[in-house]
PDB file of N, CA and C in Angstrom:
ATOM      1  N   MET A   1      -8.347   9.677-105.305  1.00  0.00           N
ATOM      2  CA  MET A   1      -7.475  10.352-104.348  1.00  0.00           C
ATOM      3  C   MET A   1      -6.550   9.322-103.706  1.00  0.00           C
ATOM      4  N   ALA A   2      -5.294   9.638-103.594  1.00  0.00           N
ATOM      5  CA  ALA A   2      -4.301   8.743-103.001  1.00  0.00           C
ATOM      6  C   ALA A   2      -4.534   8.610-101.500  1.00  0.00           C
ATOM      7  N   GLN A   3      -4.153   7.455-100.975  1.00  0.00           N
ATOM      8  CA  GLN A   3      -4.242   7.234 -99.542  1.00  0.00           C
ATOM      9  C   GLN A   3      -3.174   8.058 -98.833  1.00  0.00           C
ATOM     10  N   PHE A   4      -3.547   8.596 -97.693  1.00  0.00           N
ATOM     11  CA  PHE A   4      -2.605   9.372 -96.884  1.00  0.00           C
ATOM     12  C   PHE A   4      -1.983   8.430 -95.874  1.00  0.00           C
ATOM     13  N   ASP A   5      -0.676   8.291 -95.912  1.00  0.00           N
ATOM     14  CA  ASP A   5       0.058   7.395 -95.029  1.00  0.00           C
ATOM     15  C   ASP A   5       0.787   8.237 -93.981  1.00  0.00           C
ATOM     16  N   VAL A   6       0.211   8.316 -92.790  1.00  0.00           N
ATOM     17  CA  VAL A   6       0.780   9.151 -91.726  1.00  0.00           C
ATOM     18  C   VAL A   6       2.152   8.638 -91.308  1.00  0.00           C
ATOM     19  N   ASP A   7       2.306   7.334 -91.205  1.00  0.00           N
ATOM     20  CA  ASP A   7       3.607   6.789 -90.811  1.00  0.00           C
ATOM     21  C   ASP A   7       4.689   7.170 -91.814  1.00  0.00           C
ATOM     22  N   ALA A   8       4.352   7.132 -93.101  1.00  0.00           N
ATOM     23  CA  ALA A   8       5.323   7.530 -94.130  1.00  0.00           C
ATOM     24  C   ALA A   8       5.654   9.014 -94.009  1.00  0.00           C
ATOM     25  N   MET A   9       4.654   9.842 -93.704  1.00  0.00           N
ATOM     26  CA  MET A   9       4.898  11.277 -93.528  1.00  0.00           C
ATOM     27  C   MET A   9       5.858  11.508 -92.358  1.00  0.00           C
ATOM     28  N   LEU A  10       5.601  10.832 -91.243  1.00  0.00           N
ATOM     29  CA  LEU A  10       6.457  11.006 -90.069  1.00  0.00           C
ATOM     30  C   LEU A  10       7.878  10.512 -90.358  1.00  0.00           C
ATOM     31  N   LYS A  11       7.995   9.444 -91.122  1.00  0.00           N
ATOM     32  CA  LYS A  11       9.322   8.948 -91.509  1.00  0.00           C
ATOM     33  C   LYS A  11      10.047   9.991 -92.370  1.00  0.00           C
ATOM     34  N   ARG A  12       9.323  10.656 -93.270  1.00  0.00           N
ATOM     35  CA  ARG A  12       9.955  11.713 -94.080  1.00  0.00           C
ATOM     36  C   ARG A  12      10.462  12.843 -93.199  1.00  0.00           C
ATOM     37  N   TYR A  13       9.721  13.191 -92.171  1.00  0.00           N
ATOM     38  CA  TYR A  13      10.182  14.235 -91.254  1.00  0.00           C
ATOM     39  C   TYR A  13      11.432  13.784 -90.499  1.00  0.00           C
ATOM     40  N   GLN A  14      11.476  12.518 -90.098  1.00  0.00           N
ATOM     41  CA  GLN A  14      12.672  12.000 -89.436  1.00  0.00           C
ATOM     42  C   GLN A  14      13.870  12.074 -90.382  1.00  0.00           C
ATOM     43  N   GLU A  15      13.644  11.703 -91.645  1.00  0.00           N
ATOM     44  CA  GLU A  15      14.725  11.757 -92.634  1.00  0.00           C
ATOM     45  C   GLU A  15      15.176  13.195 -92.882  1.00  0.00           C
ATOM     46  N   ARG A  16      14.230  14.121 -92.922  1.00  0.00           N
ATOM     47  CA  ARG A  16      14.587  15.533 -93.116  1.00  0.00           C
ATOM     48  C   ARG A  16      15.401  16.056 -91.944  1.00  0.00           C
ATOM     49  N   ALA A  17      15.035  15.647 -90.734  1.00  0.00           N
ATOM     50  CA  ALA A  17      15.814  16.068 -89.554  1.00  0.00           C
ATOM     51  C   ALA A  17      17.253  15.573 -89.681  1.00  0.00           C
ATOM     52  N   GLY A  18      17.410  14.315 -90.080  1.00  0.00           N
ATOM     53  CA  GLY A  18      18.751  13.777 -90.257  1.00  0.00           C
ATOM     54  C   GLY A  18      19.517  14.494 -91.354  1.00  0.00           C
ATOM     55  N   ALA A  19      18.827  14.829 -92.437  1.00  0.00           N
ATOM     56  CA  ALA A  19      19.485  15.527 -93.547  1.00  0.00           C
ATOM     57  C   ALA A  19      19.938  16.915 -93.131  1.00  0.00           C
ATOM     58  N   VAL A  20      19.122  17.605 -92.354  1.00  0.00           N
ATOM     59  CA  VAL A  20      19.504  18.940 -91.887  1.00  0.00           C
ATOM     60  C   VAL A  20      20.715  18.846 -90.970  1.00  0.00           C
ATOM     61  N   LYS A  21      20.696  17.850 -90.096  1.00  0.00           N
ATOM     62  CA  LYS A  21      21.796  17.692 -89.138  1.00  0.00           C
ATOM     63  C   LYS A  21      23.112  17.375 -89.847  1.00  0.00           C
ATOM     64  N   ASP A  22      23.030  16.607 -90.926  1.00  0.00           N
ATOM     65  CA  ASP A  22      24.235  16.145 -91.605  1.00  0.00           C
ATOM     66  C   ASP A  22      24.677  17.012 -92.777  1.00  0.00           C
ATOM     67  N   ARG A  23      23.858  17.984 -93.174  1.00  0.00           N
ATOM     68  CA  ARG A  23      24.228  18.742 -94.381  1.00  0.00           C
ATOM     69  C   ARG A  23      25.386  19.699 -94.087  1.00  0.00           C
ATOM     70  N   PRO A  24      26.312  19.768 -95.006  1.00  0.00           N
ATOM     71  CA  PRO A  24      27.450  20.676 -94.816  1.00  0.00           C
ATOM     72  C   PRO A  24      27.036  22.120 -95.078  1.00  0.00           C
ATOM     73  N   LEU A  25      27.725  23.027 -94.448  1.00  0.00           N
ATOM     74  CA  LEU A  25      27.473  24.442 -94.679  1.00  0.00           C
ATOM     75  C   LEU A  25      28.199  24.894 -95.942  1.00  0.00           C
ATOM     76  N   PRO A  26      27.571  25.751 -96.703  1.00  0.00           N
ATOM     77  CA  PRO A  26      28.280  26.298 -97.860  1.00  0.00           C
ATOM     78  C   PRO A  26      29.414  27.204 -97.385  1.00  0.00           C
ATOM     79  N   PRO A  27      30.322  27.513 -98.261  1.00  0.00           N
ATOM     80  CA  PRO A  27      31.475  28.338 -97.861  1.00  0.00           C
ATOM     81  C   PRO A  27      31.086  29.814 -97.694  1.00  0.00           C
ATOM     82  N   VAL A  28      30.424  30.100 -96.584  1.00  0.00           N
ATOM     83  CA  VAL A  28      30.054  31.484 -96.266  1.00  0.00           C
ATOM     84  C   VAL A  28      30.622  31.829 -94.896  1.00  0.00           C
ATOM     85  N   ALA A  29      30.716  33.110 -94.633  1.00  0.00           N
ATOM     86  CA  ALA A  29      31.292  33.544 -93.362  1.00  0.00           C
ATOM     87  C   ALA A  29      30.450  34.668 -92.777  1.00  0.00           C
ATOM     88  N   GLY A  30      30.796  35.033 -91.572  1.00  0.00           N
ATOM     89  CA  GLY A  30      30.179  36.189 -90.925  1.00  0.00           C
ATOM     90  C   GLY A  30      28.712  35.978 -90.599  1.00  0.00           C
ATOM     91  N   GLU A  31      27.935  37.037 -90.812  1.00  0.00           N
ATOM     92  CA  GLU A  31      26.508  37.024 -90.481  1.00  0.00           C
ATOM     93  C   GLU A  31      25.733  35.997 -91.308  1.00  0.00           C
ATOM     94  N   ASP A  32      26.120  35.812 -92.566  1.00  0.00           N
ATOM     95  CA  ASP A  32      25.430  34.819 -93.394  1.00  0.00           C
ATOM     96  C   ASP A  32      25.595  33.422 -92.816  1.00  0.00           C
ATOM     97  N   ARG A  33      26.791  33.099 -92.373  1.00  0.00           N
ATOM     98  CA  ARG A  33      27.046  31.789 -91.770  1.00  0.00           C
ATOM     99  C   ARG A  33      26.223  31.634 -90.498  1.00  0.00           C
ATOM    100  N   LYS A  34      26.192  32.665 -89.690  1.00  0.00           N
ATOM    101  CA  LYS A  34      25.416  32.624 -88.444  1.00  0.00           C
ATOM    102  C   LYS A  34      23.936  32.384 -88.735  1.00  0.00           C
ATOM    103  N   ARG A  35      23.398  33.075 -89.740  1.00  0.00           N
ATOM    104  CA  ARG A  35      21.989  32.897 -90.101  1.00  0.00           C
ATOM    105  C   ARG A  35      21.720  31.482 -90.608  1.00  0.00           C
ATOM    106  N   LEU A  36      22.630  30.924 -91.409  1.00  0.00           N
ATOM    107  CA  LEU A  36      22.455  29.561 -91.905  1.00  0.00           C
ATOM    108  C   LEU A  36      22.460  28.551 -90.760  1.00  0.00           C
ATOM    109  N   ILE A  37      23.354  28.735 -89.815  1.00  0.00           N
ATOM    110  CA  ILE A  37      23.419  27.831 -88.665  1.00  0.00           C
ATOM    111  C   ILE A  37      22.150  27.943 -87.830  1.00  0.00           C
ATOM    112  N   GLU A  38      21.694  29.152 -87.565  1.00  0.00           N
ATOM    113  CA  GLU A  38      20.477  29.347 -86.778  1.00  0.00           C
ATOM    114  C   GLU A  38      19.276  28.719 -87.477  1.00  0.00           C
ATOM    115  N   GLN A  39      19.173  28.899 -88.805  1.00  0.00           N
ATOM    116  CA  GLN A  39      18.049  28.331 -89.537  1.00  0.00           C
ATOM    117  C   GLN A  39      18.118  26.806 -89.539  1.00  0.00           C
ATOM    118  N   ALA A  40      19.313  26.251 -89.658  1.00  0.00           N
ATOM    119  CA  ALA A  40      19.472  24.797 -89.622  1.00  0.00           C
ATOM    120  C   ALA A  40      19.035  24.239 -88.266  1.00  0.00           C
ATOM    121  N   GLU A  41      19.359  24.939 -87.191  1.00  0.00           N
ATOM    122  CA  GLU A  41      18.942  24.504 -85.856  1.00  0.00           C
ATOM    123  C   GLU A  41      17.422  24.518 -85.733  1.00  0.00           C
ATOM    124  N   ILE A  42      16.788  25.554 -86.254  1.00  0.00           N
ATOM    125  CA  ILE A  42      15.320  25.651 -86.217  1.00  0.00           C
ATOM    126  C   ILE A  42      14.707  24.538 -87.063  1.00  0.00           C
ATOM    127  N   ASP A  43      15.233  24.351 -88.271  1.00  0.00           N
ATOM    128  CA  ASP A  43      14.711  23.307 -89.167  1.00  0.00           C
ATOM    129  C   ASP A  43      14.838  21.936 -88.509  1.00  0.00           C
ATOM    130  N   TYR A  44      15.996  21.652 -87.926  1.00  0.00           N
ATOM    131  CA  TYR A  44      16.208  20.357 -87.283  1.00  0.00           C
ATOM    132  C   TYR A  44      15.189  20.148 -86.164  1.00  0.00           C
ATOM    133  N   THR A  45      15.012  21.144 -85.318  1.00  0.00           N
ATOM    134  CA  THR A  45      14.069  21.026 -84.207  1.00  0.00           C
ATOM    135  C   THR A  45      12.656  20.766 -84.715  1.00  0.00           C
ATOM    136  N   ASP A  46      12.226  21.533 -85.710  1.00  0.00           N
ATOM    137  CA  ASP A  46      10.879  21.355 -86.267  1.00  0.00           C
ATOM    138  C   ASP A  46      10.696  19.946 -86.828  1.00  0.00           C
ATOM    139  N   PHE A  47      11.625  19.522 -87.676  1.00  0.00           N
ATOM    140  CA  PHE A  47      11.506  18.207 -88.303  1.00  0.00           C
ATOM    141  C   PHE A  47      11.598  17.086 -87.274  1.00  0.00           C
ATOM    142  N   ALA A  48      12.505  17.209 -86.304  1.00  0.00           N
ATOM    143  CA  ALA A  48      12.674  16.170 -85.294  1.00  0.00           C
ATOM    144  C   ALA A  48      11.432  16.056 -84.403  1.00  0.00           C
ATOM    145  N   LEU A  49      10.853  17.182 -84.029  1.00  0.00           N
ATOM    146  CA  LEU A  49       9.645  17.138 -83.201  1.00  0.00           C
ATOM    147  C   LEU A  49       8.505  16.440 -83.925  1.00  0.00           C
ATOM    148  N   ILE A  50       8.252  16.829 -85.147  1.00  0.00           N
ATOM    149  CA  ILE A  50       7.153  16.210 -85.894  1.00  0.00           C
ATOM    150  C   ILE A  50       7.467  14.750 -86.180  1.00  0.00           C
ATOM    151  N   GLY A  51       8.731  14.456 -86.502  1.00  0.00           N
ATOM    152  CA  GLY A  51       9.111  13.083 -86.782  1.00  0.00           C
ATOM    153  C   GLY A  51       8.966  12.154 -85.595  1.00  0.00           C
ATOM    154  N   SER A  52       8.979  12.678 -84.384  1.00  0.00           N
ATOM    155  CA  SER A  52       8.864  11.849 -83.181  1.00  0.00           C
ATOM    156  C   SER A  52       7.425  11.722 -82.682  1.00  0.00           C
ATOM    157  N   ALA A  53       6.493  12.304 -83.405  1.00  0.00           N
ATOM    158  CA  ALA A  53       5.106  12.334 -82.952  1.00  0.00           C
ATOM    159  C   ALA A  53       4.442  10.963 -83.026  1.00  0.00           C
ATOM    160  N   ALA A  54       3.542  10.754 -82.088  1.00  0.00           N
ATOM    161  CA  ALA A  54       2.596   9.644 -82.169  1.00  0.00           C
ATOM    162  C   ALA A  54       1.326  10.242 -82.759  1.00  0.00           C
ATOM    163  N   TRP A  55       0.547   9.444 -83.465  1.00  0.00           N
ATOM    164  CA  TRP A  55      -0.616  10.017 -84.115  1.00  0.00           C
ATOM    165  C   TRP A  55      -1.862   9.192 -83.869  1.00  0.00           C
ATOM    166  N   ALA A  56      -2.989   9.869 -84.029  1.00  0.00           N
ATOM    167  CA  ALA A  56      -4.299   9.231 -83.933  1.00  0.00           C
ATOM    168  C   ALA A  56      -5.268  10.068 -84.748  1.00  0.00           C
ATOM    169  N   VAL A  57      -6.370   9.462 -85.113  1.00  0.00           N
ATOM    170  CA  VAL A  57      -7.460  10.197 -85.743  1.00  0.00           C
ATOM    171  C   VAL A  57      -8.560  10.299 -84.699  1.00  0.00           C
ATOM    172  N   GLU A  58      -8.902  11.537 -84.359  1.00  0.00           N
ATOM    173  CA  GLU A  58      -9.927  11.793 -83.349  1.00  0.00           C
ATOM    174  C   GLU A  58     -10.942  12.762 -83.924  1.00  0.00           C
ATOM    175  N   GLU A  59     -12.192  12.357 -83.912  1.00  0.00           N
ATOM    176  CA  GLU A  59     -13.288  13.182 -84.421  1.00  0.00           C
ATOM    177  C   GLU A  59     -13.001  13.674 -85.841  1.00  0.00           C
ATOM    178  N   GLY A  60     -12.425  12.774 -86.658  1.00  0.00           N
ATOM    179  CA  GLY A  60     -12.153  13.111 -88.050  1.00  0.00           C
ATOM    180  C   GLY A  60     -10.955  14.013 -88.274  1.00  0.00           C
ATOM    181  N   LYS A  61     -10.148  14.193 -87.235  1.00  0.00           N
ATOM    182  CA  LYS A  61      -8.961  15.058 -87.349  1.00  0.00           C
ATOM    183  C   LYS A  61      -7.711  14.260 -87.010  1.00  0.00           C
ATOM    184  N   LEU A  62      -6.639  14.546 -87.761  1.00  0.00           N
ATOM    185  CA  LEU A  62      -5.347  13.930 -87.455  1.00  0.00           C
ATOM    186  C   LEU A  62      -4.766  14.674 -86.258  1.00  0.00           C
ATOM    187  N   VAL A  63      -4.434  13.915 -85.221  1.00  0.00           N
ATOM    188  CA  VAL A  63      -3.871  14.502 -83.999  1.00  0.00           C
ATOM    189  C   VAL A  63      -2.449  13.961 -83.840  1.00  0.00           C
ATOM    190  N   LEU A  64      -1.492  14.880 -83.756  1.00  0.00           N
ATOM    191  CA  LEU A  64      -0.102  14.505 -83.511  1.00  0.00           C
ATOM    192  C   LEU A  64       0.214  14.815 -82.061  1.00  0.00           C
ATOM    193  N   ARG A  65       0.751  13.824 -81.370  1.00  0.00           N
ATOM    194  CA  ARG A  65       1.182  14.030 -79.991  1.00  0.00           C
ATOM    195  C   ARG A  65       2.703  14.021 -79.988  1.00  0.00           C
ATOM    196  N   ILE A  66       3.262  15.168 -79.653  1.00  0.00           N
ATOM    197  CA  ILE A  66       4.694  15.358 -79.738  1.00  0.00           C
ATOM    198  C   ILE A  66       5.277  15.330 -78.329  1.00  0.00           C
ATOM    199  N   PRO A  67       6.195  14.396 -78.073  1.00  0.00           N
ATOM    200  CA  PRO A  67       6.805  14.346 -76.736  1.00  0.00           C
ATOM    201  C   PRO A  67       7.732  15.549 -76.537  1.00  0.00           C
ATOM    202  N   LEU A  68       7.565  16.199 -75.413  1.00  0.00           N
ATOM    203  CA  LEU A  68       8.385  17.376 -75.119  1.00  0.00           C
ATOM    204  C   LEU A  68       9.403  17.094 -74.033  1.00  0.00           C
ATOM    205  N   GLY A  69       9.585  15.848 -73.673  1.00  0.00           N
ATOM    206  CA  GLY A  69      10.580  15.476 -72.676  1.00  0.00           C
ATOM    207  C   GLY A  69       9.999  15.525 -71.276  1.00  0.00           C
ATOM    208  N   GLY A  70      10.836  15.226 -70.352  1.00  0.00           N
ATOM    209  CA  GLY A  70      10.402  15.209 -68.959  1.00  0.00           C
ATOM    210  C   GLY A  70       9.736  13.894 -68.612  1.00  0.00           C
ATOM    211  N   PRO A  71       9.338  13.738 -67.337  1.00  0.00           N
ATOM    212  CA  PRO A  71       8.714  12.494 -66.894  1.00  0.00           C
ATOM    213  C   PRO A  71       7.359  12.285 -67.541  1.00  0.00           C
ATOM    214  N   GLY A  72       7.013  10.999 -67.691  1.00  0.00           N
ATOM    215  CA  GLY A  72       5.692  10.638 -68.222  1.00  0.00           C
ATOM    216  C   GLY A  72       5.706  10.669 -69.669  1.00  0.00           C
TER     217      GLY A  72
END
């Protein structure tokens, strides 16, 4: 079984967030364009949150701590 590299996984999520942010929209208009933009915003948020996580192994489980902003 291959070793699981959490840091590499988090880096892939950071790269995916950047790719979503930078990807051009296809030539669509109207409701389809709106849906693509909304989905891109959701994808970016998901990937960016996971990509910014700190991690630890606690009681045999991978724990991701995701900063949600604010003080502390």
